[in-house]
Protein backbone atom coordinates (compact mmCIF):
# COMPACT_ATOMS: atom_id res chain seq x y z
CA UNK A 1 23.66 167.88 -99.12
CA UNK A 2 21.76 164.64 -99.22
CA UNK A 3 20.94 163.60 -95.88
CA UNK A 4 22.50 160.86 -95.89
CA UNK A 5 25.52 162.48 -95.37
CA UNK A 6 23.94 164.05 -92.60
CA UNK A 7 24.13 163.10 -88.86
CA UNK A 8 21.97 163.60 -86.63
CA UNK A 9 22.05 163.86 -82.39
CA UNK A 10 19.18 165.17 -80.05
CA UNK A 11 20.71 165.99 -76.65
CA UNK A 12 19.83 168.48 -73.76
CA UNK A 13 16.93 169.56 -75.13
CA UNK A 14 18.37 170.59 -78.54
CA UNK A 15 19.22 169.27 -81.84
CA UNK A 16 22.29 169.53 -84.06
CA UNK A 17 23.45 167.92 -87.58
CA UNK A 18 26.81 166.39 -88.18
CA UNK A 19 28.49 165.95 -91.89
CA UNK A 20 29.58 162.34 -91.58
CA UNK A 21 31.88 162.80 -93.25
CA UNK A 22 34.52 165.62 -91.14
CA UNK A 23 32.27 165.82 -88.14
CA UNK A 24 31.50 170.00 -89.00
CA UNK A 25 28.49 170.92 -86.81
CA UNK A 26 25.88 171.81 -89.99
CA UNK A 27 23.29 173.87 -87.96
CA UNK A 28 21.83 173.28 -84.15
CA UNK A 29 17.98 174.05 -83.06
CA UNK A 30 17.44 175.03 -79.27
CA UNK A 31 14.54 173.13 -77.91
CA UNK A 32 13.20 173.18 -75.18
CA UNK A 33 14.83 172.60 -71.81
CA UNK A 34 17.93 170.26 -71.52
CA UNK A 35 16.92 166.63 -71.43
CA UNK A 36 16.79 163.80 -73.39
CA UNK A 37 15.81 164.09 -76.91
CA UNK A 38 13.81 161.84 -79.17
CA UNK A 39 14.85 162.07 -82.69
CA UNK A 40 13.36 160.56 -85.96
CA UNK A 41 14.82 162.06 -89.79
CA UNK A 42 12.02 161.18 -92.34
CA UNK A 43 13.13 162.20 -96.21
CA UNK A 44 13.87 165.95 -95.81
CA UNK A 45 12.18 166.00 -92.08
CA UNK A 46 13.26 166.03 -88.70
CA UNK A 47 10.96 165.18 -86.56
CA UNK A 48 12.54 165.88 -82.49
CA UNK A 49 10.70 165.28 -79.25
CA UNK A 50 11.22 166.70 -75.17
CA UNK A 51 10.07 167.90 -72.37
CA UNK A 52 6.34 166.30 -73.50
CA UNK A 53 6.71 168.52 -77.44
CA UNK A 54 7.04 167.65 -80.42
CA UNK A 55 8.94 169.43 -83.18
CA UNK A 56 10.18 168.83 -86.56
CA UNK A 57 12.18 170.39 -88.37
CA UNK A 58 13.49 170.81 -91.67
CA UNK A 59 16.34 168.45 -91.91
CA UNK A 60 18.91 169.88 -94.14
CA UNK A 61 18.82 173.74 -92.18
CA UNK A 62 17.21 173.30 -88.98
CA UNK A 63 14.58 175.96 -89.24
CA UNK A 64 11.94 174.83 -87.23
CA UNK A 65 8.67 173.84 -89.74
CA UNK A 66 5.91 173.54 -86.89
CA UNK A 67 5.79 172.35 -83.26
CA UNK A 68 2.76 170.86 -81.06
CA UNK A 69 2.46 171.53 -77.23
CA UNK A 70 1.27 168.09 -76.87
CA UNK A 71 -1.02 169.63 -74.10
CA UNK A 72 -2.79 167.06 -71.70
CA UNK A 73 -0.19 164.21 -72.55
CA UNK A 74 2.79 165.35 -69.97
CA UNK A 75 6.48 165.39 -69.82
CA UNK A 76 7.24 161.53 -70.61
CA UNK A 77 9.86 159.83 -72.64
CA UNK A 78 8.26 159.72 -76.27
CA UNK A 79 9.08 157.43 -78.98
CA UNK A 80 8.73 158.54 -82.54
CA UNK A 81 7.25 156.66 -85.91
CA UNK A 82 5.86 157.00 -89.37
CA UNK A 83 5.87 154.93 -91.82
CA UNK A 84 9.69 155.24 -93.27
CA UNK A 85 10.56 153.71 -89.46
CA UNK A 86 11.00 154.50 -85.77
CA UNK A 87 12.89 155.94 -83.01
CA UNK A 88 15.05 152.93 -81.55
CA UNK A 89 13.08 151.82 -78.30
CA UNK A 90 16.56 151.04 -76.66
CA UNK A 91 17.23 154.76 -76.16
CA UNK A 92 14.49 155.53 -74.52
CA UNK A 93 14.48 152.65 -72.37
CA UNK A 94 17.67 153.19 -70.85
CA UNK A 95 17.12 157.37 -70.67
CA UNK A 96 14.34 155.76 -68.77
CA UNK A 97 16.36 153.70 -66.40
CA UNK A 98 18.75 156.61 -65.80
CA UNK A 99 16.40 159.02 -64.74
CA UNK A 100 15.25 156.10 -62.40
CA UNK A 101 18.30 155.39 -60.82
CA UNK A 102 18.59 159.59 -60.82
CA UNK A 103 15.46 159.85 -58.26
CA UNK A 104 16.96 156.36 -56.60
CA UNK A 105 20.11 157.69 -55.80
CA UNK A 106 18.68 161.20 -54.63
CA UNK A 107 16.24 159.72 -52.35
CA UNK A 108 19.21 158.06 -50.72
CA UNK A 109 20.98 160.98 -50.16
CA UNK A 110 17.99 162.81 -49.18
CA UNK A 111 16.81 159.83 -46.37
């Protein structure tokens, strides 16, 4: 199946691949945690970042090709880029705002 027939989703610490036509799940790869996942597709590779770590998956199977824990960089939101493209900046900005609002609500309820 060509990559153009697949939709890749990053959510809850996982990446999922769906058939673009039917919506049928083709594969799922649990990465780490339950949080936001940045995803970038470049050719036959899916790059994903979550919990301060980056993963490279095979786009057709979801098999893990490599992983880098990015030691010393913390858990901030990650944007990904290759010569072919980059993750949309609005997705990370929206997640950052959601986290800020959740922290503010938690602080307000604790007061």
